[in-house]
């Protein structure tokens, strides 16, 4: 996926060269953002999300297979759909909890087969995704890793329970690792929580301590190979709920790239 030409020595002593698509350039990715078919409500979030830089960081190529985990309304699913083209595939997964918030938006986005290279996994847990092993070039989750540990919400003094317990992150990460090609990458973006905030933050502020992510990924057999800072905001108050007007779209976010060890 990452190399345009890969030379492999065949046992006969001959060398065969297989050509693969090179990663899309930043210019090409920026051109996707102004495509006339994009919804204006999507484009309005480009400044806050920096999608061209994020996808360039992922190394996405034409023909890639992308697994968008906790895809929500499919904002990134659509951009990856455009990037990988008709020879690529995007798998947009939402479990039953995320589906409660995403159903209307993703139904509208994919209405009448508008994005034919997107396959949806609706109300499907990560461990139950049906993609063959070693077929995914890019696993991706934006602002939702913390939802593995999101179980309840308290609003106006009322507690709403969404899960009886947190998702089994070890099983989920093992599934993703199996689905990834040997040279595949796993991109994780999420809102910074204060160091040491533990598993309270995913429920109280919809954030997560980045050290938790790095620890869990290493434990699952992934290696952190690169970090990007396009979405850093040192002025963000990490204790504020990400949906508050004062911080929405302006949070301090980490961007990690992992590979399989």
Protein backbone atom coordinates (compact mmCIF):
# COMPACT_ATOMS: atom_id res chain seq x y z
CA UNK A 1 0.00 0.00 0.00
CA UNK A 2 2.75 2.45 0.92
CA UNK A 3 5.28 1.58 -1.77
CA UNK A 4 4.63 2.21 -5.45
CA UNK A 5 6.86 -0.67 -6.51
CA UNK A 6 7.75 -3.82 -4.61
CA UNK A 7 10.40 -6.13 -5.99
CA UNK A 8 10.16 -9.73 -4.86
CA UNK A 9 12.79 -12.35 -5.58
CA UNK A 10 11.05 -15.44 -6.91
CA UNK A 11 12.44 -18.85 -6.01
CA UNK A 12 13.44 -19.39 -9.65
CA UNK A 13 15.92 -16.55 -9.36
CA UNK A 14 13.81 -14.14 -11.41
CA UNK A 15 12.65 -10.78 -10.07
CA UNK A 16 9.01 -9.81 -10.49
CA UNK A 17 7.82 -6.24 -9.94
CA UNK A 18 4.29 -5.55 -8.76
CA UNK A 19 3.01 -1.99 -9.12
CA UNK A 20 0.63 -0.58 -6.55
CA UNK A 21 -1.02 2.81 -6.34
CA UNK A 22 1.01 5.46 -4.56
CA UNK A 23 -0.56 7.30 -1.62
CA UNK A 24 -2.68 10.24 -2.68
CA UNK A 25 -0.94 13.59 -2.46
CA UNK A 26 -2.10 16.39 -0.21
CA UNK A 27 -3.14 18.31 -3.33
CA UNK A 28 -5.29 15.41 -4.52
CA UNK A 29 -6.90 15.07 -1.11
CA UNK A 30 -7.65 18.78 -0.90
CA UNK A 31 -9.38 18.50 -4.28
CA UNK A 32 -11.74 15.92 -2.79
CA UNK A 33 -12.88 18.46 -0.23
CA UNK A 34 -14.30 20.74 -2.93
CA UNK A 35 -16.05 17.98 -4.85
CA UNK A 36 -19.53 19.22 -5.85
CA UNK A 37 -21.20 16.13 -4.41
CA UNK A 38 -20.06 16.86 -0.86
CA UNK A 39 -22.72 18.10 1.51
CA UNK A 40 -22.28 21.69 2.66
CA UNK A 41 -22.73 20.61 6.27
CA UNK A 42 -19.71 18.33 5.85
CA UNK A 43 -17.54 21.03 4.29
CA UNK A 44 -18.34 23.38 7.17
CA UNK A 45 -16.35 21.11 9.50
CA UNK A 46 -13.19 20.91 7.38
CA UNK A 47 -11.35 23.73 9.17
CA UNK A 48 -11.86 22.09 12.54
CA UNK A 49 -11.04 18.55 11.41
CA UNK A 50 -8.23 19.02 8.83
CA UNK A 51 -9.35 15.96 6.81
CA UNK A 52 -6.88 16.31 3.95
CA UNK A 53 -3.95 16.31 6.36
CA UNK A 54 -5.44 13.42 8.32
CA UNK A 55 -5.98 11.25 5.26
CA UNK A 56 -2.52 12.13 3.96
CA UNK A 57 -1.15 11.01 7.32
CA UNK A 58 -2.98 7.70 6.85
CA UNK A 59 -1.28 7.13 3.49
CA UNK A 60 -4.55 6.31 1.74
CA UNK A 61 -4.25 5.12 -1.85
CA UNK A 62 -6.66 4.46 -4.69
CA UNK A 63 -7.93 0.90 -4.36
CA UNK A 64 -7.37 0.64 -0.60
CA UNK A 65 -9.71 -1.13 1.80
CA UNK A 66 -10.57 1.10 4.77
CA UNK A 67 -12.29 0.04 7.99
CA UNK A 68 -13.97 3.05 9.64
CA UNK A 69 -14.69 2.04 13.24
CA UNK A 70 -17.46 3.79 15.15
CA UNK A 71 -18.10 5.65 11.91
CA UNK A 72 -21.05 7.60 13.28
CA UNK A 73 -22.81 9.47 10.49
CA UNK A 74 -20.05 8.55 8.04
CA UNK A 75 -18.34 11.93 7.69
CA UNK A 76 -14.94 10.31 7.20
CA UNK A 77 -16.43 7.24 5.52
CA UNK A 78 -17.52 9.41 2.61
CA UNK A 79 -14.13 11.08 2.23
CA UNK A 80 -12.35 7.72 2.26
CA UNK A 81 -14.93 6.45 -0.23
CA UNK A 82 -13.94 9.24 -2.60
CA UNK A 83 -10.24 8.66 -1.97
CA UNK A 84 -10.14 4.89 -2.60
CA UNK A 85 -12.37 5.09 -5.66
CA UNK A 86 -14.36 2.37 -7.37
CA UNK A 87 -11.59 -0.21 -6.92
CA UNK A 88 -11.46 0.32 -3.17
CA UNK A 89 -13.85 -0.39 -0.32
CA UNK A 90 -14.87 1.37 2.87
CA UNK A 91 -16.45 -0.57 5.72
CA UNK A 92 -18.40 1.71 8.07
CA UNK A 93 -19.07 0.11 11.45
CA UNK A 94 -21.38 1.29 14.21
CA UNK A 95 -22.37 -0.80 17.20
CA UNK A 96 -25.82 -0.56 18.76
CA UNK A 97 -24.82 2.35 21.03
CA UNK A 98 -23.29 4.56 18.35
CA UNK A 99 -26.13 3.61 16.01
CA UNK A 100 -28.57 5.43 18.29
CA UNK A 101 -26.83 8.69 17.42
CA UNK A 102 -25.80 7.89 13.84
CA UNK A 103 -28.77 6.19 12.17
CA UNK A 104 -30.42 9.19 10.52
CA UNK A 105 -27.18 10.75 9.33
CA UNK A 106 -25.62 7.65 7.79
CA UNK A 107 -28.93 6.63 6.19
CA UNK A 108 -29.13 10.03 4.53
CA UNK A 109 -25.49 9.88 3.45
CA UNK A 110 -25.83 6.51 1.72
CA UNK A 111 -29.41 6.88 0.45
CA UNK A 112 -30.13 5.40 -2.98
CA UNK A 113 -26.67 3.83 -3.19
CA UNK A 114 -25.06 7.27 -3.26
CA UNK A 115 -21.70 5.81 -2.14
CA UNK A 116 -21.62 2.34 -3.72
CA UNK A 117 -18.19 1.38 -2.38
CA UNK A 118 -19.30 1.71 1.25
CA UNK A 119 -20.42 -1.40 3.10
CA UNK A 120 -22.20 -0.68 6.36
CA UNK A 121 -22.01 -2.75 9.50
CA UNK A 122 -25.01 -1.36 11.39
CA UNK A 123 -25.50 -2.30 15.04
CA UNK A 124 -22.59 -4.70 14.73
CA UNK A 125 -19.93 -5.03 17.43
CA UNK A 126 -16.32 -4.76 16.29
CA UNK A 127 -15.68 -8.42 17.09
CA UNK A 128 -18.54 -9.41 14.77
CA UNK A 129 -17.36 -7.51 11.69
CA UNK A 130 -17.24 -9.88 8.73
CA UNK A 131 -14.18 -8.93 6.73
CA UNK A 132 -11.55 -11.52 5.79
CA UNK A 133 -8.27 -11.53 7.69
CA UNK A 134 -5.44 -9.43 6.31
CA UNK A 135 -7.58 -7.49 3.82
CA UNK A 136 -7.68 -4.03 5.43
CA UNK A 137 -5.12 -1.38 4.47
CA UNK A 138 -6.27 1.28 6.93
CA UNK A 139 -8.23 0.88 10.16
CA UNK A 140 -9.46 4.26 11.30
CA UNK A 141 -11.40 5.77 14.16
CA UNK A 142 -11.94 9.48 14.68
CA UNK A 143 -12.96 10.82 18.09
CA UNK A 144 -14.49 7.54 19.18
CA UNK A 145 -11.87 5.28 20.73
CA UNK A 146 -13.14 6.50 24.10
CA UNK A 147 -16.55 5.04 23.22
CA UNK A 148 -15.16 1.59 23.91
CA UNK A 149 -15.53 2.67 27.55
CA UNK A 150 -18.63 4.85 27.24
CA UNK A 151 -21.38 3.21 29.28
CA UNK A 152 -23.60 6.02 30.55
CA UNK A 153 -24.39 9.72 30.40
CA UNK A 154 -25.57 12.11 33.08
CA UNK A 155 -27.48 15.13 31.82
CA UNK A 156 -29.51 17.52 33.97
CA UNK A 157 -29.09 15.12 36.86
CA UNK A 158 -30.56 12.19 34.92
CA UNK A 159 -28.44 9.11 34.25
CA UNK A 160 -28.95 7.24 30.98
CA UNK A 161 -27.28 3.83 30.69
CA UNK A 162 -26.15 2.83 27.20
CA UNK A 163 -24.15 -0.32 28.02
CA UNK A 164 -24.09 -2.62 31.02
CA UNK A 165 -20.29 -2.66 30.81
CA UNK A 166 -17.46 -1.37 28.66
CA UNK A 167 -16.63 -3.03 25.35
CA UNK A 168 -14.05 -5.80 25.60
CA UNK A 169 -11.28 -3.71 24.08
CA UNK A 170 -8.84 -6.61 23.98
CA UNK A 171 -11.17 -8.68 21.81
CA UNK A 172 -12.00 -5.65 19.65
CA UNK A 173 -8.35 -4.77 19.03
CA UNK A 174 -7.52 -8.40 18.29
CA UNK A 175 -10.24 -8.40 15.63
CA UNK A 176 -8.85 -5.26 14.04
CA UNK A 177 -5.33 -6.66 14.10
CA UNK A 178 -6.50 -9.82 12.34
CA UNK A 179 -8.31 -7.79 9.67
CA UNK A 180 -5.28 -5.58 8.91
CA UNK A 181 -2.82 -6.49 6.22
CA UNK A 182 0.73 -7.01 7.46
CA UNK A 183 1.68 -3.55 6.15
CA UNK A 184 -1.62 -1.95 7.20
CA UNK A 185 -1.96 0.99 9.57
CA UNK A 186 -4.35 1.84 12.38
CA UNK A 187 -5.11 5.56 12.78
CA UNK A 188 -6.63 6.72 16.07
CA UNK A 189 -7.80 10.27 16.74
CA UNK A 190 -9.44 11.29 19.99
CA UNK A 191 -9.88 14.11 22.48
CA UNK A 192 -7.18 14.47 25.13
CA UNK A 193 -8.24 13.94 28.75
CA UNK A 194 -6.01 14.84 31.71
CA UNK A 195 -3.29 12.32 32.45
CA UNK A 196 -4.42 9.94 35.18
CA UNK A 197 -8.13 10.57 34.56
CA UNK A 198 -8.70 6.88 33.99
CA UNK A 199 -12.00 5.57 32.66
CA UNK A 200 -14.17 8.29 34.11
CA UNK A 201 -13.43 10.74 31.30
CA UNK A 202 -15.09 8.70 28.50
CA UNK A 203 -18.39 9.09 30.34
CA UNK A 204 -18.07 12.51 31.97
CA UNK A 205 -16.38 14.47 29.18
CA UNK A 206 -16.17 12.07 26.18
CA UNK A 207 -12.38 12.19 26.24
CA UNK A 208 -9.62 9.72 27.04
CA UNK A 209 -6.13 9.81 28.53
CA UNK A 210 -3.83 9.17 25.56
CA UNK A 211 -1.58 7.01 27.73
CA UNK A 212 -4.45 4.51 28.03
CA UNK A 213 -4.65 4.27 24.25
CA UNK A 214 -0.91 3.77 23.84
CA UNK A 215 -0.79 1.16 26.60
CA UNK A 216 -3.74 -0.81 25.26
CA UNK A 217 -2.46 -0.73 21.71
CA UNK A 218 1.00 -1.96 22.75
CA UNK A 219 -0.64 -4.70 24.82
CA UNK A 220 -2.64 -5.72 21.73
CA UNK A 221 0.48 -6.05 19.60
CA UNK A 222 0.59 -2.68 17.86
CA UNK A 223 3.54 -0.31 17.60
CA UNK A 224 3.15 3.48 17.63
CA UNK A 225 5.20 4.70 14.66
CA UNK A 226 4.08 8.27 14.11
CA UNK A 227 2.16 11.10 15.72
CA UNK A 228 0.65 14.18 14.08
CA UNK A 229 -0.28 17.50 15.67
CA UNK A 230 -2.72 19.03 13.19
CA UNK A 231 -5.45 19.09 15.83
CA UNK A 232 -3.47 20.25 18.85
CA UNK A 233 -4.89 23.02 21.00
CA UNK A 234 -2.85 23.80 24.12
CA UNK A 235 -5.56 26.24 25.27
CA UNK A 236 -8.18 23.49 25.59
CA UNK A 237 -9.46 22.83 29.09
CA UNK A 238 -9.20 19.06 29.17
CA UNK A 239 -11.79 18.74 31.92
CA UNK A 240 -14.65 20.22 29.84
CA UNK A 241 -17.15 18.04 28.01
CA UNK A 242 -16.33 18.04 24.29
CA UNK A 243 -19.93 18.92 23.42
CA UNK A 244 -19.93 22.17 25.39
CA UNK A 245 -20.25 25.22 23.14
CA UNK A 246 -17.01 26.67 24.46
CA UNK A 247 -14.89 23.75 23.26
CA UNK A 248 -16.85 21.88 20.59
CA UNK A 249 -14.69 21.56 17.48
CA UNK A 250 -11.74 23.13 19.28
CA UNK A 251 -10.54 20.34 21.54
CA UNK A 252 -6.94 19.25 21.90
CA UNK A 253 -6.80 15.99 19.94
CA UNK A 254 -4.10 13.36 19.50
CA UNK A 255 -3.47 11.62 16.18
CA UNK A 256 -1.60 8.30 16.30
CA UNK A 257 -0.47 5.88 13.62
CA UNK A 258 0.08 2.26 14.66
CA UNK A 259 1.33 -0.78 12.78
CA UNK A 260 1.24 -4.45 13.68
CA UNK A 261 4.25 -5.77 15.57
